[in-house]
Every structure is written in C-alpha cells, then in structure tokens.
Amino acid sequence: MDAIIDGFNWLIDFFKTIFDFISNTFTTIGMAFEYIATIVRLCYKTISTLPNYLQAFGLITISICAIFIVINRNPGKSKE
C-alpha cells in the first residue's frame, strides 16, 4: 500500500515540477522582453538629445539592433 501512495506522490511531484518549469520559462521570457523594451526606451531617450540630422540615423540603428535581438540574429559572432 505504501508503494502505491509513494507512486502517486512521485507522479504529483513530477507534474508539479513540469508545471513549475514551464511557468518559470514563460516568466523568464517575459522578463527578457521587458528588459529589451526598457533598454530600447533608454536608447530612444538618449537619441532624442542628439541634433536633428543625427536622430534619424540613431533611430534607424537602434530599430535594426532591436529587431536583430528579438529574432536572435547576431551577425558579429564568429562561427566555430
């Protein structure tokens, strides 16, 4: 009888672990997007202090960098 109870406890712990793993994964992904948004917002504020003729180039550069970060393309890495 104890083996059956231990088996059910193990099964419940297993599903709790899987649920916690999935929950933590989505929480971490959400935090990463929040951090990216905060960094981009800070960069836009910094760009707004530049002269008008440099703001366009800064805005384009930051936009392209943010898009590359989101789609996970980092062309500067060396391939090993």
Protein backbone atom coordinates (compact mmCIF):
# COMPACT_ATOMS: atom_id res chain seq x y z
CA MET A 1 0.00 0.00 0.00
CA ASP A 2 2.86 2.37 0.80
CA ALA A 3 4.34 1.76 -2.66
CA ILE A 4 1.10 2.90 -4.32
CA ILE A 5 0.97 6.06 -2.18
CA ASP A 6 4.65 6.75 -2.92
CA GLY A 7 3.94 6.27 -6.62
CA PHE A 8 1.08 8.78 -6.55
CA ASN A 9 3.23 11.24 -4.60
CA TRP A 10 6.00 10.84 -7.15
CA LEU A 11 3.53 11.40 -10.01
CA ILE A 12 2.11 14.53 -8.35
CA ASP A 13 5.63 15.88 -7.71
CA PHE A 14 6.57 15.15 -11.33
CA PHE A 15 3.64 17.14 -12.71
CA LYS A 16 4.31 19.99 -10.26
CA THR A 17 7.92 20.09 -11.45
CA ILE A 18 6.90 20.17 -15.11
CA PHE A 19 4.36 22.92 -14.42
CA ASP A 20 6.92 24.97 -12.47
CA PHE A 21 9.47 24.56 -15.28
CA ILE A 22 7.03 25.75 -17.94
CA SER A 23 5.81 28.60 -15.73
CA ASN A 24 9.36 29.77 -14.99
CA THR A 25 10.30 29.56 -18.68
CA PHE A 26 7.46 31.86 -19.72
CA THR A 27 8.18 34.22 -16.82
CA THR A 28 11.83 34.48 -17.86
CA ILE A 29 10.91 35.11 -21.50
CA GLY A 30 8.52 37.86 -20.39
CA MET A 31 11.23 39.46 -18.25
CA ALA A 32 13.66 39.35 -21.18
CA PHE A 33 11.19 41.23 -23.40
CA GLU A 34 10.62 43.77 -20.60
CA TYR A 35 14.39 44.33 -20.34
CA ILE A 36 14.70 44.75 -24.09
CA ALA A 37 11.86 47.28 -24.07
CA THR A 38 13.49 49.21 -21.22
CA ILE A 39 16.84 49.31 -22.99
CA VAL A 40 15.26 50.44 -26.26
CA ARG A 41 13.31 53.15 -24.41
CA LEU A 42 16.52 54.39 -22.79
CA CYS A 43 18.27 54.43 -26.17
CA TYR A 44 15.44 56.44 -27.72
CA LYS A 45 15.69 58.99 -24.90
CA THR A 46 19.43 59.24 -25.49
CA ILE A 47 18.93 59.66 -29.24
CA SER A 48 16.44 62.46 -28.66
CA THR A 49 19.28 64.53 -27.16
CA LEU A 50 21.22 64.41 -30.44
CA PRO A 51 20.94 67.07 -33.15
CA ASN A 52 18.13 66.56 -35.67
CA TYR A 53 20.35 65.38 -38.51
CA LEU A 54 21.79 62.59 -36.31
CA GLN A 55 18.49 61.49 -34.76
CA ALA A 56 17.33 59.72 -37.92
CA PHE A 57 20.50 57.63 -38.16
CA GLY A 58 20.39 56.79 -34.47
CA LEU A 59 16.73 55.80 -34.63
CA ILE A 60 17.30 53.53 -37.61
CA THR A 61 20.34 51.92 -35.96
CA ILE A 62 18.55 51.22 -32.68
CA SER A 63 15.48 49.86 -34.50
CA ILE A 64 17.56 47.43 -36.57
CA CYS A 65 19.52 46.31 -33.49
CA ALA A 66 16.31 45.68 -31.52
CA ILE A 67 14.84 43.65 -34.38
CA PHE A 68 18.03 41.57 -34.62
CA ILE A 69 17.95 40.91 -30.86
CA VAL A 70 14.31 39.80 -30.99
CA ILE A 71 14.83 37.42 -33.92
CA ASN A 72 18.16 36.29 -32.40
CA ARG A 73 20.42 37.17 -35.29
CA ASN A 74 23.85 38.34 -34.23
CA PRO A 75 25.95 38.73 -37.37
CA GLY A 76 29.04 39.77 -35.42
CA LYS A 77 29.65 36.32 -33.92
CA SER A 78 32.32 34.11 -35.35
CA LYS A 79 31.23 30.66 -36.48
CA GLU A 80 33.11 27.82 -34.89
